PDB file of N, CA and C in Angstrom:
ATOM      1  N   MET A   1    -187.509 -84.114  53.071  1.00  0.00           N
ATOM      2  CA  MET A   1    -186.654 -85.290  53.233  1.00  0.00           C
ATOM      3  C   MET A   1    -186.801 -85.868  54.639  1.00  0.00           C
ATOM      4  N   GLU A   2    -187.350 -85.088  55.551  1.00  0.00           N
ATOM      5  CA  GLU A   2    -187.516 -85.569  56.926  1.00  0.00           C
ATOM      6  C   GLU A   2    -188.307 -86.865  56.986  1.00  0.00           C
ATOM      7  N   ASP A   3    -189.411 -86.930  56.260  1.00  0.00           N
ATOM      8  CA  ASP A   3    -190.218 -88.146  56.260  1.00  0.00           C
ATOM      9  C   ASP A   3    -189.429 -89.345  55.757  1.00  0.00           C
ATOM     10  N   THR A   4    -188.578 -89.128  54.772  1.00  0.00           N
ATOM     11  CA  THR A   4    -187.758 -90.215  54.236  1.00  0.00           C
ATOM     12  C   THR A   4    -186.848 -90.776  55.323  1.00  0.00           C
ATOM     13  N   TRP A   5    -186.199 -89.910  56.078  1.00  0.00           N
ATOM     14  CA  TRP A   5    -185.295 -90.395  57.129  1.00  0.00           C
ATOM     15  C   TRP A   5    -186.075 -91.082  58.244  1.00  0.00           C
ATOM     16  N   GLU A   6    -187.262 -90.576  58.560  1.00  0.00           N
ATOM     17  CA  GLU A   6    -188.091 -91.251  59.563  1.00  0.00           C
ATOM     18  C   GLU A   6    -188.493 -92.638  59.079  1.00  0.00           C
ATOM     19  N   THR A   7    -188.851 -92.731  57.818  1.00  0.00           N
ATOM     20  CA  THR A   7    -189.215 -94.026  57.239  1.00  0.00           C
ATOM     21  C   THR A   7    -188.020 -94.965  57.250  1.00  0.00           C
ATOM     22  N   LEU A   8    -186.847 -94.463  56.884  1.00  0.00           N
ATOM     23  CA  LEU A   8    -185.638 -95.297  56.904  1.00  0.00           C
ATOM     24  C   LEU A   8    -185.343 -95.785  58.322  1.00  0.00           C
ATOM     25  N   ASN A   9    -185.527 -94.920  59.307  1.00  0.00           N
ATOM     26  CA  ASN A   9    -185.318 -95.341  60.697  1.00  0.00           C
ATOM     27  C   ASN A   9    -186.282 -96.455  61.078  1.00  0.00           C
ATOM     28  N   CYS A  10    -187.542 -96.331  60.665  1.00  0.00           N
ATOM     29  CA  CYS A  10    -188.535 -97.384  60.951  1.00  0.00           C
ATOM     30  C   CYS A  10    -188.171 -98.685  60.255  1.00  0.00           C
ATOM     31  N   LEU A  11    -187.740 -98.590  58.999  1.00  0.00           N
ATOM     32  CA  LEU A  11    -187.330 -99.793  58.273  1.00  0.00           C
ATOM     33  C   LEU A  11    -186.135-100.465  58.949  1.00  0.00           C
ATOM     34  N   ALA A  12    -185.173 -99.668  59.381  1.00  0.00           N
ATOM     35  CA  ALA A  12    -183.998-100.227  60.062  1.00  0.00           C
ATOM     36  C   ALA A  12    -184.391-100.912  61.361  1.00  0.00           C
ATOM     37  N   GLU A  13    -185.272-100.283  62.121  1.00  0.00           N
ATOM     38  CA  GLU A  13    -185.758-100.901  63.364  1.00  0.00           C
ATOM     39  C   GLU A  13    -186.452-102.219  63.072  1.00  0.00           C
ATOM     40  N   HIS A  14    -187.263-102.248  62.018  1.00  0.00           N
ATOM     41  CA  HIS A  14    -187.950-103.481  61.632  1.00  0.00           C
ATOM     42  C   HIS A  14    -186.938-104.569  61.268  1.00  0.00           C
ATOM     43  N   LEU A  15    -185.955-104.220  60.441  1.00  0.00           N
ATOM     44  CA  LEU A  15    -184.933-105.202  60.055  1.00  0.00           C
ATOM     45  C   LEU A  15    -184.174-105.704  61.277  1.00  0.00           C
ATOM     46  N   ASP A  16    -183.820-104.790  62.171  1.00  0.00           N
ATOM     47  CA  ASP A  16    -183.070-105.169  63.373  1.00  0.00           C
ATOM     48  C   ASP A  16    -183.884-106.086  64.275  1.00  0.00           C
ATOM     49  N   SER A  17    -185.201-105.927  64.271  1.00  0.00           N
ATOM     50  CA  SER A  17    -186.045-106.777  65.112  1.00  0.00           C
ATOM     51  C   SER A  17    -186.217-108.177  64.533  1.00  0.00           C
ATOM     52  N   GLN A  18    -185.834-108.358  63.268  1.00  0.00           N
ATOM     53  CA  GLN A  18    -186.027-109.635  62.593  1.00  0.00           C
ATOM     54  C   GLN A  18    -184.766-110.492  62.555  1.00  0.00           C
ATOM     55  N   THR A  19    -183.706-110.055  63.219  1.00  0.00           N
ATOM     56  CA  THR A  19    -182.446-110.802  63.164  1.00  0.00           C
ATOM     57  C   THR A  19    -181.871-110.986  64.557  1.00  0.00           C
ATOM     58  N   SER A  20    -181.107-112.046  64.717  1.00  0.00           N
ATOM     59  CA  SER A  20    -180.407-112.262  65.983  1.00  0.00           C
ATOM     60  C   SER A  20    -178.983-111.704  65.920  1.00  0.00           C
ATOM     61  N   MET A  21    -178.569-111.251  64.732  1.00  0.00           N
ATOM     62  CA  MET A  21    -177.223-110.702  64.581  1.00  0.00           C
ATOM     63  C   MET A  21    -177.153-109.336  65.241  1.00  0.00           C
ATOM     64  N   VAL A  22    -175.957-108.978  65.676  1.00  0.00           N
ATOM     65  CA  VAL A  22    -175.760-107.695  66.347  1.00  0.00           C
ATOM     66  C   VAL A  22    -174.601-106.937  65.709  1.00  0.00           C
ATOM     67  N   GLY A  23    -174.590-105.639  65.943  1.00  0.00           N
ATOM     68  CA  GLY A  23    -173.471-104.781  65.572  1.00  0.00           C
ATOM     69  C   GLY A  23    -172.960-104.970  64.162  1.00  0.00           C
ATOM     70  N   GLU A  24    -171.675-105.247  64.077  1.00  0.00           N
ATOM     71  CA  GLU A  24    -171.001-105.353  62.785  1.00  0.00           C
ATOM     72  C   GLU A  24    -171.558-106.488  61.928  1.00  0.00           C
ATOM     73  N   GLN A  25    -172.111-107.524  62.555  1.00  0.00           N
ATOM     74  CA  GLN A  25    -172.733-108.601  61.780  1.00  0.00           C
ATOM     75  C   GLN A  25    -173.916-108.054  60.986  1.00  0.00           C
ATOM     76  N   ARG A  26    -174.719-107.213  61.611  1.00  0.00           N
ATOM     77  CA  ARG A  26    -175.850-106.591  60.907  1.00  0.00           C
ATOM     78  C   ARG A  26    -175.355-105.744  59.742  1.00  0.00           C
ATOM     79  N   TRP A  27    -174.280-105.016  59.978  1.00  0.00           N
ATOM     80  CA  TRP A  27    -173.729-104.162  58.929  1.00  0.00           C
ATOM     81  C   TRP A  27    -173.266-105.009  57.756  1.00  0.00           C
ATOM     82  N   LEU A  28    -172.586-106.105  58.060  1.00  0.00           N
ATOM     83  CA  LEU A  28    -172.072-106.966  57.000  1.00  0.00           C
ATOM     84  C   LEU A  28    -173.213-107.546  56.171  1.00  0.00           C
ATOM     85  N   VAL A  29    -174.275-107.994  56.836  1.00  0.00           N
ATOM     86  CA  VAL A  29    -175.436-108.514  56.107  1.00  0.00           C
ATOM     87  C   VAL A  29    -176.031-107.420  55.230  1.00  0.00           C
ATOM     88  N   GLN A  30    -176.093-106.191  55.716  1.00  0.00           N
ATOM     89  CA  GLN A  30    -176.634-105.093  54.920  1.00  0.00           C
ATOM     90  C   GLN A  30    -175.733-104.806  53.724  1.00  0.00           C
ATOM     91  N   ILE A  31    -174.426-104.929  53.889  1.00  0.00           N
ATOM     92  CA  ILE A  31    -173.488-104.738  52.774  1.00  0.00           C
ATOM     93  C   ILE A  31    -173.702-105.813  51.720  1.00  0.00           C
ATOM     94  N   VAL A  32    -173.889-107.043  52.152  1.00  0.00           N
ATOM     95  CA  VAL A  32    -174.157-108.136  51.206  1.00  0.00           C
ATOM     96  C   VAL A  32    -175.482-107.884  50.483  1.00  0.00           C
ATOM     97  N   LYS A  33    -176.479-107.403  51.207  1.00  0.00           N
ATOM     98  CA  LYS A  33    -177.768-107.068  50.598  1.00  0.00           C
ATOM     99  C   LYS A  33    -177.588-105.953  49.563  1.00  0.00           C
ATOM    100  N   LEU A  34    -176.741-104.990  49.860  1.00  0.00           N
ATOM    101  CA  LEU A  34    -176.467-103.917  48.914  1.00  0.00           C
ATOM    102  C   LEU A  34    -175.870-104.483  47.630  1.00  0.00           C
ATOM    103  N   GLN A  35    -174.933-105.402  47.766  1.00  0.00           N
ATOM    104  CA  GLN A  35    -174.330-106.032  46.590  1.00  0.00           C
ATOM    105  C   GLN A  35    -175.385-106.783  45.775  1.00  0.00           C
ATOM    106  N   GLU A  36    -176.296-107.449  46.460  1.00  0.00           N
ATOM    107  CA  GLU A  36    -177.380-108.153  45.778  1.00  0.00           C
ATOM    108  C   GLU A  36    -178.228-107.167  44.959  1.00  0.00           C
ATOM    109  N   GLU A  37    -178.553-106.032  45.549  1.00  0.00           N
ATOM    110  CA  GLU A  37    -179.362-105.032  44.859  1.00  0.00           C
ATOM    111  C   GLU A  37    -178.625-104.438  43.664  1.00  0.00           C
ATOM    112  N   VAL A  38    -177.329-104.241  43.777  1.00  0.00           N
ATOM    113  CA  VAL A  38    -176.536-103.738  42.648  1.00  0.00           C
ATOM    114  C   VAL A  38    -176.601-104.742  41.498  1.00  0.00           C
ATOM    115  N   GLY A  39    -176.542-106.027  41.826  1.00  0.00           N
ATOM    116  CA  GLY A  39    -176.673-107.050  40.792  1.00  0.00           C
ATOM    117  C   GLY A  39    -178.025-106.994  40.103  1.00  0.00           C
ATOM    118  N   GLU A  40    -179.062-106.692  40.871  1.00  0.00           N
ATOM    119  CA  GLU A  40    -180.401-106.626  40.292  1.00  0.00           C
ATOM    120  C   GLU A  40    -180.557-105.426  39.358  1.00  0.00           C
ATOM    121  N   VAL A  41    -179.933-104.298  39.677  1.00  0.00           N
ATOM    122  CA  VAL A  41    -180.014-103.154  38.766  1.00  0.00           C
ATOM    123  C   VAL A  41    -179.232-103.464  37.491  1.00  0.00           C
ATOM    124  N   ALA A  42    -178.135-104.174  37.613  1.00  0.00           N
ATOM    125  CA  ALA A  42    -177.376-104.577  36.420  1.00  0.00           C
ATOM    126  C   ALA A  42    -178.196-105.538  35.560  1.00  0.00           C
ATOM    127  N   GLU A  43    -178.853-106.496  36.206  1.00  0.00           N
ATOM    128  CA  GLU A  43    -179.694-107.439  35.475  1.00  0.00           C
ATOM    129  C   GLU A  43    -180.824-106.709  34.737  1.00  0.00           C
ATOM    130  N   ALA A  44    -181.432-105.735  35.396  1.00  0.00           N
ATOM    131  CA  ALA A  44    -182.507-104.973  34.768  1.00  0.00           C
ATOM    132  C   ALA A  44    -181.988-104.171  33.575  1.00  0.00           C
ATOM    133  N   ALA A  45    -180.800-103.584  33.697  1.00  0.00           N
ATOM    134  CA  ALA A  45    -180.225-102.817  32.589  1.00  0.00           C
ATOM    135  C   ALA A  45    -179.934-103.723  31.398  1.00  0.00           C
ATOM    136  N   ILE A  46    -179.380-104.893  31.666  1.00  0.00           N
ATOM    137  CA  ILE A  46    -179.121-105.857  30.593  1.00  0.00           C
ATOM    138  C   ILE A  46    -180.439-106.261  29.934  1.00  0.00           C
ATOM    139  N   GLY A  47    -181.474-106.461  30.760  1.00  0.00           N
ATOM    140  CA  GLY A  47    -182.786-106.807  30.224  1.00  0.00           C
ATOM    141  C   GLY A  47    -183.412-105.681  29.422  1.00  0.00           C
ATOM    142  N   ALA A  48    -183.199-104.443  29.841  1.00  0.00           N
ATOM    143  CA  ALA A  48    -183.745-103.297  29.105  1.00  0.00           C
ATOM    144  C   ALA A  48    -183.068-103.143  27.742  1.00  0.00           C
ATOM    145  N   LEU A  49    -181.802-103.533  27.682  1.00  0.00           N
ATOM    146  CA  LEU A  49    -181.070-103.480  26.418  1.00  0.00           C
ATOM    147  C   LEU A  49    -181.322-104.719  25.554  1.00  0.00           C
ATOM    148  N   GLY A  50    -181.917-105.756  26.157  1.00  0.00           N
ATOM    149  CA  GLY A  50    -182.158-106.996  25.428  1.00  0.00           C
ATOM    150  C   GLY A  50    -180.895-107.782  25.168  1.00  0.00           C
ATOM    151  N   GLU A  51    -179.917-107.645  26.052  1.00  0.00           N
ATOM    152  CA  GLU A  51    -178.614-108.271  25.836  1.00  0.00           C
ATOM    153  C   GLU A  51    -178.452-109.648  26.467  1.00  0.00           C
ATOM    154  N   ASN A  52    -179.497-110.200  27.038  1.00  0.00           N
ATOM    155  CA  ASN A  52    -179.441-111.576  27.526  1.00  0.00           C
ATOM    156  C   ASN A  52    -180.114-112.447  26.470  1.00  0.00           C
ATOM    157  N   PRO A  53    -179.330-113.288  25.764  1.00  0.00           N
ATOM    158  CA  PRO A  53    -179.902-114.082  24.669  1.00  0.00           C
ATOM    159  C   PRO A  53    -181.057-114.991  25.110  1.00  0.00           C
ATOM    160  N   ARG A  54    -181.040-115.445  26.348  1.00  0.00           N
ATOM    161  CA  ARG A  54    -182.111-116.329  26.828  1.00  0.00           C
ATOM    162  C   ARG A  54    -183.395-115.576  27.139  1.00  0.00           C
ATOM    163  N   LYS A  55    -183.282-114.318  27.530  1.00  0.00           N
ATOM    164  CA  LYS A  55    -184.455-113.581  28.012  1.00  0.00           C
ATOM    165  C   LYS A  55    -184.915-112.469  27.084  1.00  0.00           C
ATOM    166  N   GLY A  56    -184.040-111.995  26.214  1.00  0.00           N
ATOM    167  CA  GLY A  56    -184.416-110.872  25.353  1.00  0.00           C
ATOM    168  C   GLY A  56    -184.661-109.622  26.167  1.00  0.00           C
ATOM    169  N   ARG A  57    -185.647-108.834  25.753  1.00  0.00           N
ATOM    170  CA  ARG A  57    -185.997-107.601  26.477  1.00  0.00           C
ATOM    171  C   ARG A  57    -186.909-107.966  27.642  1.00  0.00           C
ATOM    172  N   SER A  58    -186.299-108.323  28.747  1.00  0.00           N
ATOM    173  CA  SER A  58    -187.048-108.783  29.918  1.00  0.00           C
ATOM    174  C   SER A  58    -187.409-107.661  30.884  1.00  0.00           C
ATOM    175  N   HIS A  59    -186.845-106.483  30.687  1.00  0.00           N
ATOM    176  CA  HIS A  59    -187.076-105.337  31.567  1.00  0.00           C
ATOM    177  C   HIS A  59    -187.230-104.087  30.716  1.00  0.00           C
ATOM    178  N   ASP A  60    -187.703-103.025  31.365  1.00  0.00           N
ATOM    179  CA  ASP A  60    -187.703-101.719  30.710  1.00  0.00           C
ATOM    180  C   ASP A  60    -186.940-100.747  31.618  1.00  0.00           C
ATOM    181  N   TRP A  61    -186.815 -99.501  31.162  1.00  0.00           N
ATOM    182  CA  TRP A  61    -186.003 -98.546  31.916  1.00  0.00           C
ATOM    183  C   TRP A  61    -186.659 -98.146  33.233  1.00  0.00           C
ATOM    184  N   ASP A  62    -187.975 -98.264  33.337  1.00  0.00           N
ATOM    185  CA  ASP A  62    -188.609 -98.033  34.640  1.00  0.00           C
ATOM    186  C   ASP A  62    -188.197 -99.117  35.636  1.00  0.00           C
ATOM    187  N   ASP A  63    -188.009-100.352  35.155  1.00  0.00           N
ATOM    188  CA  ASP A  63    -187.499-101.416  36.033  1.00  0.00           C
ATOM    189  C   ASP A  63    -186.108-101.064  36.540  1.00  0.00           C
ATOM    190  N   VAL A  64    -185.286-100.495  35.661  1.00  0.00           N
ATOM    191  CA  VAL A  64    -183.932-100.089  36.061  1.00  0.00           C
ATOM    192  C   VAL A  64    -184.020 -98.999  37.125  1.00  0.00           C
ATOM    193  N   ARG A  65    -184.905 -98.034  36.927  1.00  0.00           N
ATOM    194  CA  ARG A  65    -185.082 -96.965  37.916  1.00  0.00           C
ATOM    195  C   ARG A  65    -185.509 -97.527  39.274  1.00  0.00           C
ATOM    196  N   LYS A  66    -186.456 -98.465  39.245  1.00  0.00           N
ATOM    197  CA  LYS A  66    -186.915 -99.075  40.500  1.00  0.00           C
ATOM    198  C   LYS A  66    -185.784 -99.812  41.201  1.00  0.00           C
ATOM    199  N   GLU A  67    -184.996-100.553  40.433  1.00  0.00           N
ATOM    200  CA  GLU A  67    -183.864-101.272  41.030  1.00  0.00           C
ATOM    201  C   GLU A  67    -182.811-100.299  41.559  1.00  0.00           C
ATOM    202  N   ALA A  68    -182.610 -99.184  40.855  1.00  0.00           N
ATOM    203  CA  ALA A  68    -181.665 -98.173  41.342  1.00  0.00           C
ATOM    204  C   ALA A  68    -182.161 -97.581  42.661  1.00  0.00           C
ATOM    205  N   CYS A  69    -183.475 -97.401  42.776  1.00  0.00           N
ATOM    206  CA  CYS A  69    -184.039 -96.927  44.046  1.00  0.00           C
ATOM    207  C   CYS A  69    -183.791 -97.949  45.153  1.00  0.00           C
ATOM    208  N   ASP A  70    -183.922 -99.237  44.832  1.00  0.00           N
ATOM    209  CA  ASP A  70    -183.636-100.271  45.827  1.00  0.00           C
ATOM    210  C   ASP A  70    -182.185-100.196  46.290  1.00  0.00           C
ATOM    211  N   VAL A  71    -181.273 -99.915  45.364  1.00  0.00           N
ATOM    212  CA  VAL A  71    -179.856 -99.756  45.723  1.00  0.00           C
ATOM    213  C   VAL A  71    -179.697 -98.578  46.684  1.00  0.00           C
ATOM    214  N   ALA A  72    -180.321 -97.452  46.344  1.00  0.00           N
ATOM    215  CA  ALA A  72    -180.202 -96.255  47.183  1.00  0.00           C
ATOM    216  C   ALA A  72    -180.779 -96.492  48.571  1.00  0.00           C
ATOM    217  N   VAL A  73    -181.964 -97.090  48.644  1.00  0.00           N
ATOM    218  CA  VAL A  73    -182.593 -97.356  49.941  1.00  0.00           C
ATOM    219  C   VAL A  73    -181.737 -98.304  50.768  1.00  0.00           C
ATOM    220  N   THR A  74    -181.214 -99.335  50.134  1.00  0.00           N
ATOM    221  CA  THR A  74    -180.398-100.312  50.848  1.00  0.00           C
ATOM    222  C   THR A  74    -179.117 -99.664  51.373  1.00  0.00           C
ATOM    223  N   ALA A  75    -178.518 -98.788  50.596  1.00  0.00           N
ATOM    224  CA  ALA A  75    -177.310 -98.083  51.041  1.00  0.00           C
ATOM    225  C   ALA A  75    -177.628 -97.149  52.207  1.00  0.00           C
ATOM    226  N   LEU A  76    -178.741 -96.433  52.115  1.00  0.00           N
ATOM    227  CA  LEU A  76    -179.111 -95.533  53.209  1.00  0.00           C
ATOM    228  C   LEU A  76    -179.475 -96.317  54.462  1.00  0.00           C
ATOM    229  N   LEU A  77    -180.094 -97.482  54.292  1.00  0.00           N
ATOM    230  CA  LEU A  77    -180.375 -98.335  55.459  1.00  0.00           C
ATOM    231  C   LEU A  77    -179.086 -98.792  56.124  1.00  0.00           C
ATOM    232  N   LEU A  78    -178.052 -99.032  55.341  1.00  0.00           N
ATOM    233  CA  LEU A  78    -176.751 -99.382  55.919  1.00  0.00           C
ATOM    234  C   LEU A  78    -176.264 -98.249  56.820  1.00  0.00           C
ATOM    235  N   LEU A  79    -176.359 -97.002  56.330  1.00  0.00           N
ATOM    236  CA  LEU A  79    -175.946 -95.860  57.155  1.00  0.00           C
ATOM    237  C   LEU A  79    -176.764 -95.785  58.436  1.00  0.00           C
ATOM    238  N   VAL A  80    -178.076 -95.960  58.328  1.00  0.00           N
ATOM    239  CA  VAL A  80    -178.938 -95.886  59.505  1.00  0.00           C
ATOM    240  C   VAL A  80    -178.573 -96.987  60.495  1.00  0.00           C
ATOM    241  N   ARG A  81    -178.381 -98.190  60.002  1.00  0.00           N
ATOM    242  CA  ARG A  81    -178.113 -99.325  60.888  1.00  0.00           C
ATOM    243  C   ARG A  81    -176.742 -99.222  61.557  1.00  0.00           C
ATOM    244  N   MET A  82    -175.836 -98.432  60.965  1.00  0.00           N
ATOM    245  CA  MET A  82    -174.508 -98.256  61.555  1.00  0.00           C
ATOM    246  C   MET A  82    -174.516 -97.261  62.704  1.00  0.00           C
ATOM    247  N   GLY A  83    -175.623 -96.549  62.873  1.00  0.00           N
ATOM    248  CA  GLY A  83    -175.736 -95.640  64.004  1.00  0.00           C
ATOM    249  C   GLY A  83    -175.183 -94.259  63.723  1.00  0.00           C
ATOM    250  N   GLY A  84    -175.110 -93.472  64.767  1.00  0.00           N
ATOM    251  CA  GLY A  84    -174.701 -92.084  64.612  1.00  0.00           C
ATOM    252  C   GLY A  84    -175.827 -91.284  63.993  1.00  0.00           C
ATOM    253  N   ASP A  85    -175.477 -90.255  63.258  1.00  0.00           N
ATOM    254  CA  ASP A  85    -176.454 -89.402  62.593  1.00  0.00           C
ATOM    255  C   ASP A  85    -176.312 -89.609  61.086  1.00  0.00           C
ATOM    256  N   PRO A  86    -177.026 -90.587  60.528  1.00  0.00           N
ATOM    257  CA  PRO A  86    -176.838 -90.916  59.123  1.00  0.00           C
ATOM    258  C   PRO A  86    -177.189 -89.766  58.181  1.00  0.00           C
ATOM    259  N   ARG A  87    -178.190 -88.991  58.548  1.00  0.00           N
ATOM    260  CA  ARG A  87    -178.574 -87.864  57.696  1.00  0.00           C
ATOM    261  C   ARG A  87    -177.431 -86.865  57.601  1.00  0.00           C
ATOM    262  N   TRP A  88    -176.850 -86.505  58.735  1.00  0.00           N
ATOM    263  CA  TRP A  88    -175.721 -85.570  58.747  1.00  0.00           C
ATOM    264  C   TRP A  88    -174.559 -86.152  57.943  1.00  0.00           C
ATOM    265  N   PHE A  89    -174.246 -87.423  58.184  1.00  0.00           N
ATOM    266  CA  PHE A  89    -173.119 -88.056  57.506  1.00  0.00           C
ATOM    267  C   PHE A  89    -173.327 -88.039  55.997  1.00  0.00           C
ATOM    268  N   PHE A  90    -174.533 -88.401  55.564  1.00  0.00           N
ATOM    269  CA  PHE A  90    -174.833 -88.435  54.132  1.00  0.00           C
ATOM    270  C   PHE A  90    -174.738 -87.045  53.515  1.00  0.00           C
ATOM    271  N   GLU A  91    -175.358 -86.056  54.164  1.00  0.00           N
ATOM    272  CA  GLU A  91    -175.347 -84.700  53.619  1.00  0.00           C
ATOM    273  C   GLU A  91    -173.934 -84.126  53.574  1.00  0.00           C
ATOM    274  N   GLU A  92    -173.134 -84.393  54.602  1.00  0.00           N
ATOM    275  CA  GLU A  92    -171.738 -83.939  54.598  1.00  0.00           C
ATOM    276  C   GLU A  92    -170.965 -84.592  53.455  1.00  0.00           C
ATOM    277  N   HIS A  93    -171.238 -85.875  53.231  1.00  0.00           N
ATOM    278  CA  HIS A  93    -170.536 -86.594  52.171  1.00  0.00           C
ATOM    279  C   HIS A  93    -170.935 -86.057  50.794  1.00  0.00           C
ATOM    280  N   VAL A  94    -172.212 -85.783  50.591  1.00  0.00           N
ATOM    281  CA  VAL A  94    -172.666 -85.214  49.322  1.00  0.00           C
ATOM    282  C   VAL A  94    -171.967 -83.882  49.074  1.00  0.00           C
ATOM    283  N   GLN A  95    -171.852 -83.053  50.108  1.00  0.00           N
ATOM    284  CA  GLN A  95    -171.164 -81.764  49.953  1.00  0.00           C
ATOM    285  C   GLN A  95    -169.686 -81.963  49.612  1.00  0.00           C
ATOM    286  N   ALA A  96    -169.048 -82.965  50.221  1.00  0.00           N
ATOM    287  CA  ALA A  96    -167.636 -83.252  49.925  1.00  0.00           C
ATOM    288  C   ALA A  96    -167.468 -83.714  48.479  1.00  0.00           C
ATOM    289  N   VAL A  97    -168.379 -84.544  48.011  1.00  0.00           N
ATOM    290  CA  VAL A  97    -168.329 -85.002  46.614  1.00  0.00           C
ATOM    291  C   VAL A  97    -168.510 -83.813  45.674  1.00  0.00           C
ATOM    292  N   ALA A  98    -169.454 -82.937  46.004  1.00  0.00           N
ATOM    293  CA  ALA A  98    -169.681 -81.746  45.182  1.00  0.00           C
ATOM    294  C   ALA A  98    -168.445 -80.858  45.166  1.00  0.00           C
ATOM    295  N   ALA A  99    -167.812 -80.702  46.314  1.00  0.00           N
ATOM    296  CA  ALA A  99    -166.603 -79.875  46.391  1.00  0.00           C
ATOM    297  C   ALA A  99    -165.482 -80.468  45.528  1.00  0.00           C
ATOM    298  N   ARG A 100    -165.333 -81.782  45.552  1.00  0.00           N
ATOM    299  CA  ARG A 100    -164.313 -82.432  44.724  1.00  0.00           C
ATOM    300  C   ARG A 100    -164.598 -82.215  43.237  1.00  0.00           C
ATOM    301  N   ALA A 101    -165.866 -82.056  42.894  1.00  0.00           N
ATOM    302  CA  ALA A 101    -166.249 -81.808  41.502  1.00  0.00           C
ATOM    303  C   ALA A 101    -166.125 -80.328  41.141  1.00  0.00           C
ATOM    304  N   GLY A 102    -165.710 -79.511  42.114  1.00  0.00           N
ATOM    305  CA  GLY A 102    -165.534 -78.095  41.863  1.00  0.00           C
ATOM    306  C   GLY A 102    -166.798 -77.274  42.023  1.00  0.00           C
ATOM    307  N   LEU A 103    -167.831 -77.864  42.628  1.00  0.00           N
ATOM    308  CA  LEU A 103    -169.080 -77.133  42.853  1.00  0.00           C
ATOM    309  C   LEU A 103    -169.047 -76.454  44.208  1.00  0.00           C
ATOM    310  N   ARG A 104    -169.693 -75.330  44.303  1.00  0.00           N
ATOM    311  CA  ARG A 104    -169.751 -74.626  45.571  1.00  0.00           C
ATOM    312  C   ARG A 104    -170.800 -75.278  46.453  1.00  0.00           C
ATOM    313  N   PRO A 105    -170.583 -75.280  47.764  1.00  0.00           N
ATOM    314  CA  PRO A 105    -171.570 -75.870  48.675  1.00  0.00           C
ATOM    315  C   PRO A 105    -172.916 -75.177  48.554  1.00  0.00           C
ATOM    316  N   VAL A 106    -173.952 -75.961  48.692  1.00  0.00           N
ATOM    317  CA  VAL A 106    -175.304 -75.426  48.670  1.00  0.00           C
ATOM    318  C   VAL A 106    -175.731 -75.210  50.116  1.00  0.00           C
ATOM    319  N   THR A 107    -176.169 -74.003  50.420  1.00  0.00           N
ATOM    320  CA  THR A 107    -176.624 -73.723  51.775  1.00  0.00           C
ATOM    321  C   THR A 107    -178.145 -73.767  51.814  1.00  0.00           C
ATOM    322  N   PRO A 108    -178.709 -74.416  52.834  1.00  0.00           N
ATOM    323  CA  PRO A 108    -180.171 -74.493  52.922  1.00  0.00           C
ATOM    324  C   PRO A 108    -180.807 -73.117  53.031  1.00  0.00           C
ATOM    325  N   GLY A 109    -182.028 -72.997  52.496  1.00  0.00           N
ATOM    326  CA  GLY A 109    -182.807 -71.777  52.623  1.00  0.00           C
ATOM    327  C   GLY A 109    -182.453 -70.843  51.552  1.00  0.00           C
TER     328      GLY A 109
END
């Protein structure tokens, strides 16, 4: 997973270099982008089911998977762009969600 976080850091740096917005403005734009990506995964799911009368079966389930990946990447980029240690924050949050589900924490190694 180390390479993934390094790649996310590079992507965040690239995005930050392409905007004049700073701080919370960048975060807000990333949140709006996340909402856009969620809409795209919904559109793909509707297309995979063929439930849009104008388009029919315009997508398949691999399209839905790809759009879901875009949602995940966009959400993780939000964490990276907000600063701190996004990897630690994410992993701690996953463990908290697992604990709420009654699962025991997973220890590395």
